[in-house]
């Protein structure tokens, strides 16, 4: 059986022909599936809805802390002190 702590990696052509099986596998085991494509270094990840909702909830909780509010305040203060930045074409 696959190591549940590491994402599994599959080529997109395999995903297309086995999507129903992978859907059931990810939903049941909560394993992440990395999807690759020949000729590309980019990857997509198939995760369960439960994992996505847990990640979104964690972000929501972590973003509502005194440290994050303090950091946002410091960034806003720095932006106000330095003024607008304009891109210069070389």
PDB file of N, CA and C in Angstrom:
ATOM      1  N   UNK A   1       0.839  -1.186   0.000  1.00  0.00           N
ATOM      2  CA  UNK A   1       0.000   0.000   0.000  1.00  0.00           C
ATOM      3  C   UNK A   1       0.878   1.241   0.000  1.00  0.00           C
ATOM      4  N   UNK A   2       0.389   2.332  -0.508  1.00  0.00           N
ATOM      5  CA  UNK A   2       1.134   3.570  -0.626  1.00  0.00           C
ATOM      6  C   UNK A   2       1.378   4.204   0.742  1.00  0.00           C
ATOM      7  N   UNK A   3       2.485   4.952   0.856  1.00  0.00           N
ATOM      8  CA  UNK A   3       2.793   5.700   2.062  1.00  0.00           C
ATOM      9  C   UNK A   3       1.849   6.885   2.142  1.00  0.00           C
ATOM     10  N   UNK A   4       0.957   6.886   3.129  1.00  0.00           N
ATOM     11  CA  UNK A   4      -0.077   7.921   3.226  1.00  0.00           C
ATOM     12  C   UNK A   4       0.466   9.292   3.582  1.00  0.00           C
ATOM     13  N   UNK A   5       1.730   9.401   4.002  1.00  0.00           N
ATOM     14  CA  UNK A   5       2.270  10.698   4.374  1.00  0.00           C
ATOM     15  C   UNK A   5       2.824  11.461   3.175  1.00  0.00           C
ATOM     16  N   UNK A   6       3.045  10.809   2.073  1.00  0.00           N
ATOM     17  CA  UNK A   6       3.610  11.444   0.888  1.00  0.00           C
ATOM     18  C   UNK A   6       2.588  11.455  -0.237  1.00  0.00           C
ATOM     19  N   UNK A   7       2.540  12.571  -1.006  1.00  0.00           N
ATOM     20  CA  UNK A   7       1.613  12.590  -2.139  1.00  0.00           C
ATOM     21  C   UNK A   7       2.000  11.562  -3.188  1.00  0.00           C
ATOM     22  N   UNK A   8       1.017  11.008  -3.833  1.00  0.00           N
ATOM     23  CA  UNK A   8       1.246  10.096  -4.948  1.00  0.00           C
ATOM     24  C   UNK A   8       1.343  10.944  -6.213  1.00  0.00           C
ATOM     25  N   UNK A   9       2.131  10.538  -7.190  1.00  0.00           N
ATOM     26  CA  UNK A   9       2.310  11.305  -8.416  1.00  0.00           C
ATOM     27  C   UNK A   9       1.848  10.479  -9.608  1.00  0.00           C
ATOM     28  N   UNK A  10       0.994  11.096 -10.438  1.00  0.00           N
ATOM     29  CA  UNK A  10       0.466  10.425 -11.622  1.00  0.00           C
ATOM     30  C   UNK A  10       0.485  11.382 -12.802  1.00  0.00           C
ATOM     31  N   UNK A  11       0.734  10.845 -13.990  1.00  0.00           N
ATOM     32  CA  UNK A  11       0.655  11.611 -15.226  1.00  0.00           C
ATOM     33  C   UNK A  11      -0.803  11.894 -15.541  1.00  0.00           C
ATOM     34  N   UNK A  12      -1.058  13.022 -16.166  1.00  0.00           N
ATOM     35  CA  UNK A  12      -2.427  13.444 -16.475  1.00  0.00           C
ATOM     36  C   UNK A  12      -3.166  12.413 -17.330  1.00  0.00           C
ATOM     37  N   UNK A  13      -2.462  11.708 -18.209  1.00  0.00           N
ATOM     38  CA  UNK A  13      -3.136  10.706 -19.048  1.00  0.00           C
ATOM     39  C   UNK A  13      -3.677   9.560 -18.191  1.00  0.00           C
ATOM     40  N   UNK A  14      -2.972   9.209 -17.133  1.00  0.00           N
ATOM     41  CA  UNK A  14      -3.446   8.173 -16.226  1.00  0.00           C
ATOM     42  C   UNK A  14      -4.642   8.677 -15.405  1.00  0.00           C
ATOM     43  N   UNK A  15      -4.594   9.940 -15.042  1.00  0.00           N
ATOM     44  CA  UNK A  15      -5.700  10.539 -14.275  1.00  0.00           C
ATOM     45  C   UNK A  15      -6.987  10.478 -15.096  1.00  0.00           C
ATOM     46  N   UNK A  16      -6.893  10.879 -16.345  1.00  0.00           N
ATOM     47  CA  UNK A  16      -8.086  10.935 -17.193  1.00  0.00           C
ATOM     48  C   UNK A  16      -8.757   9.570 -17.313  1.00  0.00           C
ATOM     49  N   UNK A  17      -7.966   8.534 -17.430  1.00  0.00           N
ATOM     50  CA  UNK A  17      -8.560   7.218 -17.633  1.00  0.00           C
ATOM     51  C   UNK A  17      -8.956   6.521 -16.329  1.00  0.00           C
ATOM     52  N   UNK A  18      -8.548   7.061 -15.191  1.00  0.00           N
ATOM     53  CA  UNK A  18      -8.833   6.425 -13.903  1.00  0.00           C
ATOM     54  C   UNK A  18      -9.407   7.395 -12.873  1.00  0.00           C
ATOM     55  N   UNK A  19     -10.068   8.442 -13.346  1.00  0.00           N
ATOM     56  CA  UNK A  19     -10.505   9.493 -12.428  1.00  0.00           C
ATOM     57  C   UNK A  19     -11.470   8.987 -11.353  1.00  0.00           C
ATOM     58  N   UNK A  20     -12.401   8.152 -11.710  1.00  0.00           N
ATOM     59  CA  UNK A  20     -13.371   7.647 -10.726  1.00  0.00           C
ATOM     60  C   UNK A  20     -12.653   6.885  -9.612  1.00  0.00           C
ATOM     61  N   UNK A  21     -11.677   6.060  -9.987  1.00  0.00           N
ATOM     62  CA  UNK A  21     -10.902   5.312  -8.990  1.00  0.00           C
ATOM     63  C   UNK A  21     -10.111   6.270  -8.098  1.00  0.00           C
ATOM     64  N   UNK A  22      -9.464   7.265  -8.688  1.00  0.00           N
ATOM     65  CA  UNK A  22      -8.678   8.213  -7.901  1.00  0.00           C
ATOM     66  C   UNK A  22      -9.568   9.053  -6.990  1.00  0.00           C
ATOM     67  N   UNK A  23     -10.747   9.421  -7.481  1.00  0.00           N
ATOM     68  CA  UNK A  23     -11.705  10.168  -6.655  1.00  0.00           C
ATOM     69  C   UNK A  23     -12.038   9.369  -5.398  1.00  0.00           C
ATOM     70  N   UNK A  24     -12.346   8.109  -5.573  1.00  0.00           N
ATOM     71  CA  UNK A  24     -12.687   7.251  -4.438  1.00  0.00           C
ATOM     72  C   UNK A  24     -11.488   7.080  -3.513  1.00  0.00           C
ATOM     73  N   UNK A  25     -10.295   6.893  -4.077  1.00  0.00           N
ATOM     74  CA  UNK A  25      -9.073   6.702  -3.300  1.00  0.00           C
ATOM     75  C   UNK A  25      -8.758   7.930  -2.442  1.00  0.00           C
ATOM     76  N   UNK A  26      -8.807   9.112  -3.044  1.00  0.00           N
ATOM     77  CA  UNK A  26      -8.505  10.349  -2.310  1.00  0.00           C
ATOM     78  C   UNK A  26      -9.560  10.607  -1.248  1.00  0.00           C
ATOM     79  N   UNK A  27     -10.818  10.404  -1.583  1.00  0.00           N
ATOM     80  CA  UNK A  27     -11.899  10.620  -0.615  1.00  0.00           C
ATOM     81  C   UNK A  27     -11.770   9.688   0.585  1.00  0.00           C
ATOM     82  N   UNK A  28     -11.375   8.456   0.329  1.00  0.00           N
ATOM     83  CA  UNK A  28     -11.284   7.451   1.395  1.00  0.00           C
ATOM     84  C   UNK A  28     -10.016   7.580   2.224  1.00  0.00           C
ATOM     85  N   UNK A  29      -8.872   7.813   1.591  1.00  0.00           N
ATOM     86  CA  UNK A  29      -7.591   7.767   2.294  1.00  0.00           C
ATOM     87  C   UNK A  29      -7.044   9.137   2.680  1.00  0.00           C
ATOM     88  N   UNK A  30      -7.573  10.203   2.087  1.00  0.00           N
ATOM     89  CA  UNK A  30      -7.086  11.576   2.305  1.00  0.00           C
ATOM     90  C   UNK A  30      -5.655  11.777   1.792  1.00  0.00           C
ATOM     91  N   UNK A  31      -5.194  10.910   0.891  1.00  0.00           N
ATOM     92  CA  UNK A  31      -3.881  11.039   0.268  1.00  0.00           C
ATOM     93  C   UNK A  31      -3.953  12.107  -0.813  1.00  0.00           C
ATOM     94  N   UNK A  32      -2.912  12.879  -0.946  1.00  0.00           N
ATOM     95  CA  UNK A  32      -2.825  13.874  -2.025  1.00  0.00           C
ATOM     96  C   UNK A  32      -2.273  13.213  -3.277  1.00  0.00           C
ATOM     97  N   UNK A  33      -2.809  13.615  -4.411  1.00  0.00           N
ATOM     98  CA  UNK A  33      -2.346  13.100  -5.696  1.00  0.00           C
ATOM     99  C   UNK A  33      -1.728  14.256  -6.477  1.00  0.00           C
ATOM    100  N   UNK A  34      -0.431  14.176  -6.785  1.00  0.00           N
ATOM    101  CA  UNK A  34       0.216  15.148  -7.661  1.00  0.00           C
ATOM    102  C   UNK A  34      -0.064  14.742  -9.096  1.00  0.00           C
ATOM    103  N   UNK A  35      -0.510  15.690  -9.907  1.00  0.00           N
ATOM    104  CA  UNK A  35      -0.809  15.426 -11.312  1.00  0.00           C
ATOM    105  C   UNK A  35       0.235  16.142 -12.152  1.00  0.00           C
ATOM    106  N   UNK A  36       0.929  15.362 -12.976  1.00  0.00           N
ATOM    107  CA  UNK A  36       1.985  15.914 -13.826  1.00  0.00           C
ATOM    108  C   UNK A  36       1.579  15.795 -15.288  1.00  0.00           C
ATOM    109  N   UNK A  37       2.350  16.456 -16.142  1.00  0.00           N
ATOM    110  CA  UNK A  37       2.097  16.394 -17.573  1.00  0.00           C
ATOM    111  C   UNK A  37       3.440  16.373 -18.280  1.00  0.00           C
ATOM    112  N   UNK A  38       3.608  15.502 -19.272  1.00  0.00           N
ATOM    113  CA  UNK A  38       4.883  15.465 -20.007  1.00  0.00           C
ATOM    114  C   UNK A  38       5.223  16.834 -20.592  1.00  0.00           C
ATOM    115  N   UNK A  39       6.469  17.232 -20.454  1.00  0.00           N
ATOM    116  CA  UNK A  39       6.919  18.498 -21.019  1.00  0.00           C
ATOM    117  C   UNK A  39       6.636  19.698 -20.141  1.00  0.00           C
ATOM    118  N   UNK A  40       6.140  19.479 -18.932  1.00  0.00           N
ATOM    119  CA  UNK A  40       5.833  20.595 -18.038  1.00  0.00           C
ATOM    120  C   UNK A  40       6.336  20.278 -16.636  1.00  0.00           C
ATOM    121  N   UNK A  41       6.896  21.284 -15.982  1.00  0.00           N
ATOM    122  CA  UNK A  41       7.319  21.133 -14.593  1.00  0.00           C
ATOM    123  C   UNK A  41       6.187  21.471 -13.628  1.00  0.00           C
ATOM    124  N   UNK A  42       5.087  21.995 -14.150  1.00  0.00           N
ATOM    125  CA  UNK A  42       3.951  22.379 -13.310  1.00  0.00           C
ATOM    126  C   UNK A  42       3.229  21.140 -12.791  1.00  0.00           C
ATOM    127  N   UNK A  43       2.639  21.279 -11.622  1.00  0.00           N
ATOM    128  CA  UNK A  43       1.862  20.193 -11.017  1.00  0.00           C
ATOM    129  C   UNK A  43       0.552  20.743 -10.491  1.00  0.00           C
ATOM    130  N   UNK A  44      -0.439  19.905 -10.500  1.00  0.00           N
ATOM    131  CA  UNK A  44      -1.701  20.175  -9.832  1.00  0.00           C
ATOM    132  C   UNK A  44      -1.825  19.137  -8.729  1.00  0.00           C
ATOM    133  N   UNK A  45      -2.654  19.423  -7.745  1.00  0.00           N
ATOM    134  CA  UNK A  45      -2.819  18.487  -6.637  1.00  0.00           C
ATOM    135  C   UNK A  45      -4.300  18.206  -6.449  1.00  0.00           C
ATOM    136  N   UNK A  46      -4.629  16.931  -6.364  1.00  0.00           N
ATOM    137  CA  UNK A  46      -5.983  16.483  -6.090  1.00  0.00           C
ATOM    138  C   UNK A  46      -6.042  16.144  -4.604  1.00  0.00           C
ATOM    139  N   UNK A  47      -6.906  16.860  -3.855  1.00  0.00           N
ATOM    140  CA  UNK A  47      -7.074  16.595  -2.427  1.00  0.00           C
ATOM    141  C   UNK A  47      -8.554  16.420  -2.131  1.00  0.00           C
ATOM    142  N   UNK A  48      -8.838  15.840  -0.992  1.00  0.00           N
ATOM    143  CA  UNK A  48     -10.237  15.643  -0.617  1.00  0.00           C
ATOM    144  C   UNK A  48     -10.859  16.963  -0.184  1.00  0.00           C
ATOM    145  N   UNK A  49     -12.167  17.042  -0.275  1.00  0.00           N
ATOM    146  CA  UNK A  49     -12.877  18.231   0.186  1.00  0.00           C
ATOM    147  C   UNK A  49     -12.627  18.446   1.675  1.00  0.00           C
ATOM    148  N   UNK A  50     -12.586  17.360   2.440  1.00  0.00           N
ATOM    149  CA  UNK A  50     -12.340  17.473   3.879  1.00  0.00           C
ATOM    150  C   UNK A  50     -10.985  18.122   4.150  1.00  0.00           C
ATOM    151  N   UNK A  51      -9.953  17.726   3.381  1.00  0.00           N
ATOM    152  CA  UNK A  51      -8.638  18.327   3.568  1.00  0.00           C
ATOM    153  C   UNK A  51      -8.648  19.797   3.168  1.00  0.00           C
ATOM    154  N   UNK A  52      -9.293  20.130   2.062  1.00  0.00           N
ATOM    155  CA  UNK A  52      -9.393  21.522   1.633  1.00  0.00           C
ATOM    156  C   UNK A  52     -10.085  22.367   2.695  1.00  0.00           C
ATOM    157  N   UNK A  53     -11.198  21.876   3.218  1.00  0.00           N
ATOM    158  CA  UNK A  53     -11.924  22.629   4.240  1.00  0.00           C
ATOM    159  C   UNK A  53     -11.087  22.790   5.508  1.00  0.00           C
ATOM    160  N   UNK A  54     -10.313  21.769   5.871  1.00  0.00           N
ATOM    161  CA  UNK A  54      -9.439  21.868   7.041  1.00  0.00           C
ATOM    162  C   UNK A  54      -8.345  22.910   6.820  1.00  0.00           C
ATOM    163  N   UNK A  55      -7.773  22.936   5.624  1.00  0.00           N
ATOM    164  CA  UNK A  55      -6.749  23.934   5.303  1.00  0.00           C
ATOM    165  C   UNK A  55      -7.334  25.346   5.315  1.00  0.00           C
ATOM    166  N   UNK A  56      -8.516  25.503   4.732  1.00  0.00           N
ATOM    167  CA  UNK A  56      -9.164  26.820   4.728  1.00  0.00           C
ATOM    168  C   UNK A  56      -9.484  27.282   6.142  1.00  0.00           C
ATOM    169  N   UNK A  57      -9.947  26.372   6.975  1.00  0.00           N
ATOM    170  CA  UNK A  57     -10.256  26.712   8.367  1.00  0.00           C
ATOM    171  C   UNK A  57      -8.988  27.093   9.126  1.00  0.00           C
ATOM    172  N   UNK A  58      -7.905  26.367   8.899  1.00  0.00           N
ATOM    173  CA  UNK A  58      -6.635  26.692   9.555  1.00  0.00           C
ATOM    174  C   UNK A  58      -6.161  28.080   9.149  1.00  0.00           C
ATOM    175  N   UNK A  59      -6.278  28.420   7.867  1.00  0.00           N
ATOM    176  CA  UNK A  59      -5.904  29.761   7.411  1.00  0.00           C
ATOM    177  C   UNK A  59      -6.778  30.825   8.063  1.00  0.00           C
ATOM    178  N   UNK A  60      -8.052  30.537   8.161  1.00  0.00           N
ATOM    179  CA  UNK A  60      -8.983  31.469   8.787  1.00  0.00           C
ATOM    180  C   UNK A  60      -8.593  31.715  10.249  1.00  0.00           C
ATOM    181  N   UNK A  61      -8.288  30.653  10.970  1.00  0.00           N
ATOM    182  CA  UNK A  61      -7.902  30.767  12.379  1.00  0.00           C
ATOM    183  C   UNK A  61      -6.577  31.506  12.518  1.00  0.00           C
ATOM    184  N   UNK A  62      -5.586  31.115  11.725  1.00  0.00           N
ATOM    185  CA  UNK A  62      -4.269  31.717  11.817  1.00  0.00           C
ATOM    186  C   UNK A  62      -4.258  33.183  11.399  1.00  0.00           C
ATOM    187  N   UNK A  63      -5.129  33.545  10.474  1.00  0.00           N
ATOM    188  CA  UNK A  63      -5.149  34.936  10.013  1.00  0.00           C
ATOM    189  C   UNK A  63      -5.848  35.858  11.004  1.00  0.00           C
ATOM    190  N   UNK A  64      -6.533  35.298  11.977  1.00  0.00           N
ATOM    191  CA  UNK A  64      -7.246  36.098  12.966  1.00  0.00           C
ATOM    192  C   UNK A  64      -6.501  36.061  14.302  1.00  0.00           C
ATOM    193  N   UNK A  65      -5.219  36.457  14.260  1.00  0.00           N
ATOM    194  CA  UNK A  65      -4.416  36.480  15.472  1.00  0.00           C
ATOM    195  C   UNK A  65      -3.827  37.874  15.662  1.00  0.00           C
ATOM    196  N   UNK A  66      -3.407  38.161  16.877  1.00  0.00           N
ATOM    197  CA  UNK A  66      -2.783  39.452  17.163  1.00  0.00           C
ATOM    198  C   UNK A  66      -1.503  39.630  16.354  1.00  0.00           C
ATOM    199  N   UNK A  67      -0.733  38.544  16.187  1.00  0.00           N
ATOM    200  CA  UNK A  67       0.512  38.640  15.420  1.00  0.00           C
ATOM    201  C   UNK A  67       0.253  39.039  13.974  1.00  0.00           C
ATOM    202  N   UNK A  68      -0.760  38.446  13.352  1.00  0.00           N
ATOM    203  CA  UNK A  68      -1.076  38.768  11.959  1.00  0.00           C
ATOM    204  C   UNK A  68      -1.580  40.203  11.856  1.00  0.00           C
ATOM    205  N   UNK A  69      -2.442  40.607  12.777  1.00  0.00           N
ATOM    206  CA  UNK A  69      -2.926  41.991  12.763  1.00  0.00           C
ATOM    207  C   UNK A  69      -1.769  42.964  12.949  1.00  0.00           C
ATOM    208  N   UNK A  70      -0.832  42.639  13.841  1.00  0.00           N
ATOM    209  CA  UNK A  70       0.337  43.490  14.062  1.00  0.00           C
ATOM    210  C   UNK A  70       1.180  43.576  12.801  1.00  0.00           C
ATOM    211  N   UNK A  71       1.415  42.442  12.139  1.00  0.00           N
ATOM    212  CA  UNK A  71       2.196  42.424  10.907  1.00  0.00           C
ATOM    213  C   UNK A  71       1.518  43.253   9.817  1.00  0.00           C
ATOM    214  N   UNK A  72       0.197  43.117   9.689  1.00  0.00           N
ATOM    215  CA  UNK A  72      -0.532  43.893   8.680  1.00  0.00           C
ATOM    216  C   UNK A  72      -0.419  45.389   8.969  1.00  0.00           C
ATOM    217  N   UNK A  73      -0.494  45.746  10.248  1.00  0.00           N
ATOM    218  CA  UNK A  73      -0.340  47.145  10.628  1.00  0.00           C
ATOM    219  C   UNK A  73       1.032  47.684  10.283  1.00  0.00           C
ATOM    220  N   UNK A  74       2.069  46.885  10.524  1.00  0.00           N
ATOM    221  CA  UNK A  74       3.436  47.305  10.199  1.00  0.00           C
ATOM    222  C   UNK A  74       3.628  47.455   8.699  1.00  0.00           C
ATOM    223  N   UNK A  75       3.047  46.561   7.933  1.00  0.00           N
ATOM    224  CA  UNK A  75       3.141  46.653   6.468  1.00  0.00           C
ATOM    225  C   UNK A  75       2.431  47.910   5.980  1.00  0.00           C
ATOM    226  N   UNK A  76       1.254  48.162   6.514  1.00  0.00           N
ATOM    227  CA  UNK A  76       0.513  49.369   6.120  1.00  0.00           C
ATOM    228  C   UNK A  76       1.286  50.628   6.502  1.00  0.00           C
ATOM    229  N   UNK A  77       1.897  50.629   7.684  1.00  0.00           N
ATOM    230  CA  UNK A  77       2.685  51.777   8.124  1.00  0.00           C
ATOM    231  C   UNK A  77       3.884  51.994   7.210  1.00  0.00           C
ATOM    232  N   UNK A  78       4.581  50.911   6.877  1.00  0.00           N
ATOM    233  CA  UNK A  78       5.727  51.007   5.980  1.00  0.00           C
ATOM    234  C   UNK A  78       5.305  51.517   4.606  1.00  0.00           C
ATOM    235  N   UNK A  79       4.188  51.033   4.103  1.00  0.00           N
ATOM    236  CA  UNK A  79       3.683  51.486   2.796  1.00  0.00           C
ATOM    237  C   UNK A  79       3.352  52.977   2.846  1.00  0.00           C
ATOM    238  N   UNK A  80       2.747  53.431   3.948  1.00  0.00           N
ATOM    239  CA  UNK A  80       2.396  54.844   4.079  1.00  0.00           C
ATOM    240  C   UNK A  80       3.650  55.715   4.162  1.00  0.00           C
ATOM    241  N   UNK A  81       4.681  55.218   4.832  1.00  0.00           N
ATOM    242  CA  UNK A  81       5.921  55.984   4.987  1.00  0.00           C
ATOM    243  C   UNK A  81       6.732  56.061   3.708  1.00  0.00           C
ATOM    244  N   UNK A  82       6.675  55.040   2.898  1.00  0.00           N
ATOM    245  CA  UNK A  82       7.492  55.017   1.680  1.00  0.00           C
ATOM    246  C   UNK A  82       6.779  55.594   0.481  1.00  0.00           C
ATOM    247  N   UNK A  83       5.467  55.739   0.562  1.00  0.00           N
ATOM    248  CA  UNK A  83       4.710  56.307  -0.539  1.00  0.00           C
ATOM    249  C   UNK A  83       4.522  55.318  -1.661  1.00  0.00           C
ATOM    250  N   UNK A  84       3.873  55.782  -2.734  1.00  0.00           N
ATOM    251  CA  UNK A  84       3.595  54.872  -3.862  1.00  0.00           C
ATOM    252  C   UNK A  84       4.887  54.507  -4.592  1.00  0.00           C
ATOM    253  N   UNK A  85       4.905  53.320  -5.104  1.00  0.00           N
ATOM    254  CA  UNK A  85       6.040  52.819  -5.878  1.00  0.00           C
ATOM    255  C   UNK A  85       5.591  52.722  -7.333  1.00  0.00           C
ATOM    256  N   UNK A  86       6.377  53.285  -8.213  1.00  0.00           N
ATOM    257  CA  UNK A  86       6.045  53.242  -9.633  1.00  0.00           C
ATOM    258  C   UNK A  86       7.034  52.344 -10.353  1.00  0.00           C
ATOM    259  N   UNK A  87       6.513  51.505 -11.233  1.00  0.00           N
ATOM    260  CA  UNK A  87       7.375  50.632 -12.032  1.00  0.00           C
ATOM    261  C   UNK A  87       8.054  51.449 -13.101  1.00  0.00           C
ATOM    262  N   UNK A  88       9.337  51.183 -13.300  1.00  0.00           N
ATOM    263  CA  UNK A  88      10.093  51.886 -14.323  1.00  0.00           C
ATOM    264  C   UNK A  88      10.517  50.868 -15.360  1.00  0.00           C
ATOM    265  N   UNK A  89      10.180  51.133 -16.615  1.00  0.00           N
ATOM    266  CA  UNK A  89      10.595  50.239 -17.696  1.00  0.00           C
ATOM    267  C   UNK A  89      12.035  50.540 -18.047  1.00  0.00           C
ATOM    268  N   UNK A  90      12.862  49.515 -18.070  1.00  0.00           N
ATOM    269  CA  UNK A  90      14.278  49.693 -18.389  1.00  0.00           C
ATOM    270  C   UNK A  90      14.498  49.697 -19.870  1.00  0.00           C
TER     271      UNK A  90
END
